[in-house]
N, C-alpha and C. Protein backbone atom coordinates (compact mmCIF):
# COMPACT_ATOMS: atom_id res chain seq x y z
N MET A 1 151.43 1.77 17.88
CA MET A 1 151.29 1.14 16.58
C MET A 1 150.18 1.82 15.78
N VAL A 2 149.09 2.16 16.51
CA VAL A 2 147.96 2.80 15.83
C VAL A 2 148.39 4.14 15.22
N LEU A 3 149.18 4.92 15.97
CA LEU A 3 149.66 6.21 15.47
C LEU A 3 150.48 6.04 14.20
N ALA A 4 151.37 5.05 14.17
CA ALA A 4 152.19 4.81 12.99
C ALA A 4 151.34 4.38 11.80
N ILE A 5 150.36 3.54 12.04
CA ILE A 5 149.48 3.08 10.96
C ILE A 5 148.68 4.25 10.39
N ILE A 6 148.15 5.09 11.28
CA ILE A 6 147.36 6.26 10.84
C ILE A 6 148.24 7.19 10.03
N ALA A 7 149.47 7.46 10.51
CA ALA A 7 150.36 8.38 9.79
C ALA A 7 150.68 7.84 8.40
N ASP A 8 150.98 6.55 8.31
CA ASP A 8 151.28 5.96 7.00
C ASP A 8 150.03 5.95 6.11
N ALA A 9 148.89 5.66 6.67
CA ALA A 9 147.66 5.66 5.88
C ALA A 9 147.35 7.05 5.33
N VAL A 10 147.54 8.08 6.16
CA VAL A 10 147.31 9.45 5.69
C VAL A 10 148.25 9.77 4.54
N GLN A 11 149.49 9.37 4.65
CA GLN A 11 150.44 9.68 3.57
C GLN A 11 150.14 8.88 2.30
N ILE A 12 149.55 7.72 2.42
CA ILE A 12 149.21 6.94 1.23
C ILE A 12 147.90 7.40 0.63
N VAL A 13 146.89 7.62 1.47
CA VAL A 13 145.55 8.01 0.97
C VAL A 13 145.57 9.43 0.43
N VAL A 14 146.28 10.32 1.09
CA VAL A 14 146.33 11.72 0.67
C VAL A 14 147.60 11.94 -0.15
N PHE A 15 147.97 10.96 -0.95
CA PHE A 15 149.22 10.98 -1.73
C PHE A 15 149.46 12.27 -2.50
N PRO A 16 148.48 12.85 -3.19
CA PRO A 16 148.78 14.07 -3.97
C PRO A 16 149.33 15.21 -3.12
N LEU A 17 148.94 15.33 -1.89
CA LEU A 17 149.48 16.41 -1.02
C LEU A 17 150.93 16.16 -0.67
N PHE A 18 151.34 14.90 -0.58
CA PHE A 18 152.65 14.54 -0.07
C PHE A 18 153.62 14.06 -1.14
N VAL A 19 153.29 14.16 -2.40
CA VAL A 19 154.11 13.62 -3.46
C VAL A 19 155.47 14.33 -3.56
N GLU A 20 155.58 15.55 -3.08
CA GLU A 20 156.83 16.30 -3.18
C GLU A 20 157.89 15.81 -2.20
N GLY A 21 157.52 14.97 -1.25
CA GLY A 21 158.52 14.49 -0.27
C GLY A 21 159.00 15.61 0.62
N ALA A 22 160.31 15.88 0.60
CA ALA A 22 160.91 16.90 1.49
C ALA A 22 160.45 18.29 1.14
N LEU A 23 159.92 18.51 -0.04
CA LEU A 23 159.46 19.84 -0.44
C LEU A 23 158.05 20.17 0.03
N SER A 24 157.34 19.21 0.57
CA SER A 24 155.98 19.41 0.99
C SER A 24 155.91 19.83 2.46
N PRO A 25 155.39 21.04 2.74
CA PRO A 25 155.29 21.47 4.13
C PRO A 25 154.35 20.57 4.95
N ALA A 26 153.29 20.08 4.33
CA ALA A 26 152.36 19.20 5.05
C ALA A 26 153.06 17.90 5.42
N GLU A 27 153.89 17.41 4.54
CA GLU A 27 154.69 16.19 4.79
C GLU A 27 155.62 16.42 5.96
N ASP A 28 156.29 17.56 5.98
CA ASP A 28 157.24 17.86 7.08
C ASP A 28 156.53 17.95 8.41
N VAL A 29 155.40 18.63 8.44
CA VAL A 29 154.65 18.79 9.69
C VAL A 29 154.19 17.42 10.19
N LEU A 30 153.66 16.60 9.30
CA LEU A 30 153.20 15.28 9.68
C LEU A 30 154.35 14.40 10.20
N ASP A 31 155.47 14.39 9.48
CA ASP A 31 156.60 13.54 9.89
C ASP A 31 157.27 14.03 11.18
N PHE A 32 157.43 15.33 11.35
CA PHE A 32 158.00 15.84 12.59
C PHE A 32 157.05 15.53 13.75
N GLY A 33 155.76 15.70 13.54
CA GLY A 33 154.79 15.41 14.60
C GLY A 33 154.77 13.93 14.97
N VAL A 34 154.76 13.06 13.96
CA VAL A 34 154.76 11.62 14.23
C VAL A 34 156.04 11.21 14.93
N ALA A 35 157.17 11.73 14.47
CA ALA A 35 158.45 11.39 15.11
C ALA A 35 158.45 11.82 16.57
N ALA A 36 157.99 13.04 16.84
CA ALA A 36 157.96 13.56 18.21
C ALA A 36 157.03 12.72 19.09
N LEU A 37 155.85 12.40 18.57
CA LEU A 37 154.91 11.58 19.34
C LEU A 37 155.44 10.17 19.61
N LEU A 38 156.02 9.55 18.60
CA LEU A 38 156.56 8.21 18.78
C LEU A 38 157.71 8.19 19.81
N VAL A 39 158.57 9.20 19.73
CA VAL A 39 159.66 9.26 20.69
C VAL A 39 159.12 9.50 22.10
N SER A 40 158.09 10.34 22.22
CA SER A 40 157.55 10.57 23.55
C SER A 40 156.79 9.35 24.09
N LEU A 41 156.17 8.59 23.20
CA LEU A 41 155.43 7.40 23.64
C LEU A 41 156.35 6.19 23.89
N LEU A 42 157.32 5.98 23.01
CA LEU A 42 158.14 4.78 23.07
C LEU A 42 159.58 5.03 23.47
N GLY A 43 159.98 6.28 23.57
CA GLY A 43 161.38 6.59 23.82
C GLY A 43 162.15 6.60 22.51
N TRP A 44 163.41 7.01 22.59
CA TRP A 44 164.25 7.09 21.37
C TRP A 44 164.67 5.69 20.95
N HIS A 45 164.48 5.41 19.67
CA HIS A 45 164.94 4.14 19.07
C HIS A 45 165.55 4.48 17.71
N TRP A 46 166.65 3.83 17.41
CA TRP A 46 167.34 4.08 16.14
C TRP A 46 166.47 3.76 14.93
N GLU A 47 165.49 2.90 15.11
CA GLU A 47 164.62 2.53 13.98
C GLU A 47 163.84 3.72 13.44
N PHE A 48 163.63 4.75 14.28
CA PHE A 48 162.86 5.91 13.83
C PHE A 48 163.65 6.79 12.87
N LEU A 49 164.96 6.83 13.00
CA LEU A 49 165.78 7.70 12.15
C LEU A 49 165.69 7.34 10.67
N PRO A 50 165.89 6.09 10.27
CA PRO A 50 165.75 5.78 8.82
C PRO A 50 164.34 6.04 8.33
N SER A 51 163.35 5.81 9.16
CA SER A 51 161.96 6.05 8.74
C SER A 51 161.77 7.53 8.45
N PHE A 52 162.29 8.37 9.35
CA PHE A 52 162.15 9.81 9.17
C PHE A 52 162.90 10.28 7.91
N LEU A 53 164.12 9.81 7.73
CA LEU A 53 164.91 10.23 6.58
C LEU A 53 164.31 9.72 5.26
N ALA A 54 163.76 8.52 5.27
CA ALA A 54 163.17 7.96 4.06
C ALA A 54 161.96 8.77 3.61
N LYS A 55 161.25 9.35 4.58
CA LYS A 55 160.07 10.13 4.26
C LYS A 55 160.41 11.43 3.55
N LEU A 56 161.68 11.81 3.57
CA LEU A 56 162.09 13.03 2.86
C LEU A 56 162.31 12.82 1.37
N VAL A 57 162.31 11.56 0.95
CA VAL A 57 162.51 11.25 -0.48
C VAL A 57 161.15 11.21 -1.17
N PRO A 58 161.00 11.97 -2.27
CA PRO A 58 159.72 11.99 -2.98
C PRO A 58 159.29 10.60 -3.44
N GLY A 59 158.01 10.26 -3.22
CA GLY A 59 157.45 9.01 -3.67
C GLY A 59 157.63 7.85 -2.71
N VAL A 60 158.47 8.02 -1.70
CA VAL A 60 158.75 6.92 -0.77
C VAL A 60 157.60 6.79 0.25
N ASP A 61 156.71 7.72 0.27
CA ASP A 61 155.60 7.69 1.24
C ASP A 61 154.65 6.51 1.01
N LEU A 62 154.80 5.84 -0.10
CA LEU A 62 153.96 4.67 -0.35
C LEU A 62 154.41 3.47 0.47
N VAL A 63 155.59 3.54 1.06
CA VAL A 63 156.11 2.48 1.92
C VAL A 63 155.81 2.86 3.37
N PRO A 64 155.15 2.00 4.12
CA PRO A 64 154.75 2.34 5.49
C PRO A 64 155.93 2.24 6.49
N PHE A 65 156.89 3.16 6.38
CA PHE A 65 158.08 3.12 7.19
C PHE A 65 157.80 3.31 8.69
N TRP A 66 156.87 4.19 9.05
CA TRP A 66 156.57 4.38 10.48
C TRP A 66 156.04 3.09 11.08
N THR A 67 155.14 2.43 10.38
CA THR A 67 154.58 1.17 10.88
C THR A 67 155.66 0.10 11.01
N MET A 68 156.54 0.01 10.04
CA MET A 68 157.61 -0.99 10.11
C MET A 68 158.55 -0.67 11.28
N ALA A 69 158.84 0.61 11.51
CA ALA A 69 159.74 0.98 12.60
C ALA A 69 159.14 0.62 13.95
N VAL A 70 157.86 0.95 14.14
CA VAL A 70 157.21 0.65 15.41
C VAL A 70 157.09 -0.87 15.61
N ALA A 71 156.79 -1.59 14.55
CA ALA A 71 156.71 -3.06 14.66
C ALA A 71 158.08 -3.63 15.06
N ASN A 72 159.15 -3.08 14.52
CA ASN A 72 160.49 -3.54 14.86
C ASN A 72 160.83 -3.22 16.32
N VAL A 73 160.44 -2.04 16.79
CA VAL A 73 160.68 -1.68 18.18
C VAL A 73 159.90 -2.62 19.10
N TYR A 74 158.67 -2.92 18.73
CA TYR A 74 157.85 -3.85 19.52
C TYR A 74 158.46 -5.23 19.56
N ARG A 75 158.92 -5.71 18.41
CA ARG A 75 159.56 -7.03 18.33
C ARG A 75 160.80 -7.09 19.21
N LYS A 76 161.61 -6.06 19.14
CA LYS A 76 162.85 -6.03 19.96
C LYS A 76 162.51 -5.96 21.44
N SER A 77 161.49 -5.21 21.82
CA SER A 77 161.13 -5.12 23.24
C SER A 77 160.63 -6.48 23.75
N LYS A 78 159.92 -7.22 22.94
CA LYS A 78 159.47 -8.55 23.32
C LYS A 78 160.66 -9.50 23.48
N GLN A 79 161.64 -9.41 22.60
CA GLN A 79 162.84 -10.24 22.71
C GLN A 79 163.60 -9.93 24.01
N ILE A 80 163.75 -8.66 24.31
CA ILE A 80 164.45 -8.26 25.54
C ILE A 80 163.71 -8.76 26.76
N ALA A 81 162.38 -8.63 26.76
CA ALA A 81 161.57 -9.09 27.90
C ALA A 81 161.71 -10.61 28.07
N ALA A 82 161.71 -11.35 26.98
CA ALA A 82 161.84 -12.80 27.04
C ALA A 82 163.22 -13.20 27.57
N GLU A 83 164.27 -12.48 27.14
CA GLU A 83 165.62 -12.77 27.63
C GLU A 83 165.73 -12.50 29.12
N GLU A 84 165.15 -11.40 29.59
CA GLU A 84 165.17 -11.08 31.01
C GLU A 84 164.41 -12.14 31.82
N GLU A 85 163.30 -12.60 31.30
CA GLU A 85 162.53 -13.63 32.00
C GLU A 85 163.34 -14.93 32.09
N ARG A 86 164.03 -15.30 30.99
CA ARG A 86 164.86 -16.49 31.03
C ARG A 86 165.99 -16.36 32.04
N ARG A 87 166.60 -15.16 32.10
CA ARG A 87 167.67 -14.92 33.07
C ARG A 87 167.17 -15.05 34.49
N GLN A 88 166.00 -14.49 34.76
CA GLN A 88 165.42 -14.57 36.10
C GLN A 88 165.12 -16.01 36.46
N GLN A 89 164.55 -16.75 35.55
CA GLN A 89 164.25 -18.17 35.82
C GLN A 89 165.52 -18.96 36.03
N HIS A 90 166.55 -18.65 35.27
CA HIS A 90 167.82 -19.35 35.42
C HIS A 90 168.47 -19.03 36.76
N SER A 91 168.37 -17.77 37.19
CA SER A 91 168.98 -17.40 38.47
C SER A 91 168.19 -18.02 39.61
N VAL A 92 166.88 -18.14 39.50
CA VAL A 92 166.08 -18.77 40.53
C VAL A 92 166.42 -20.27 40.62
N LEU A 93 166.59 -20.91 39.49
CA LEU A 93 166.97 -22.34 39.47
C LEU A 93 168.36 -22.54 40.05
N ASN A 94 169.28 -21.67 39.73
CA ASN A 94 170.64 -21.80 40.26
C ASN A 94 170.68 -21.50 41.76
N GLY A 95 169.82 -20.63 42.23
CA GLY A 95 169.81 -20.30 43.63
C GLY A 95 169.28 -21.43 44.49
N ARG A 96 168.44 -22.28 43.92
CA ARG A 96 167.90 -23.41 44.65
C ARG A 96 168.84 -24.58 44.72
N SER A 97 169.80 -24.65 43.78
CA SER A 97 170.70 -25.79 43.70
C SER A 97 171.69 -25.82 44.82
C-alpha cells in the first residue's frame, strides 16, 4: 500500500514532469517499475491492468489509481480470507454433529 501511495504522490506532486502521460519517459519508467514491484509483492491481479492503462492518458495522473488498485486487492483478499474461515468453522461444526 505504501508503494502505491508513494507512486501516486510522486505523480501528483511532480505533475509538470508527468503531464504528457504516455509521452513522458519518466512516467513510463515510474509506471513500469511500480507495476513490476506490485506484481512481485502481491502477485498478478486484474486490478493493476486498468491502473496501468489509465496512467497512459495525459492528465489522469491526478487520480491515485495505484492506491485504489492496491486497496481493492487488499479488500478482496480480506473477503476471501473471511469466506475460508467461515467454511472451516462450518466444516468443524458439521464434523461434530
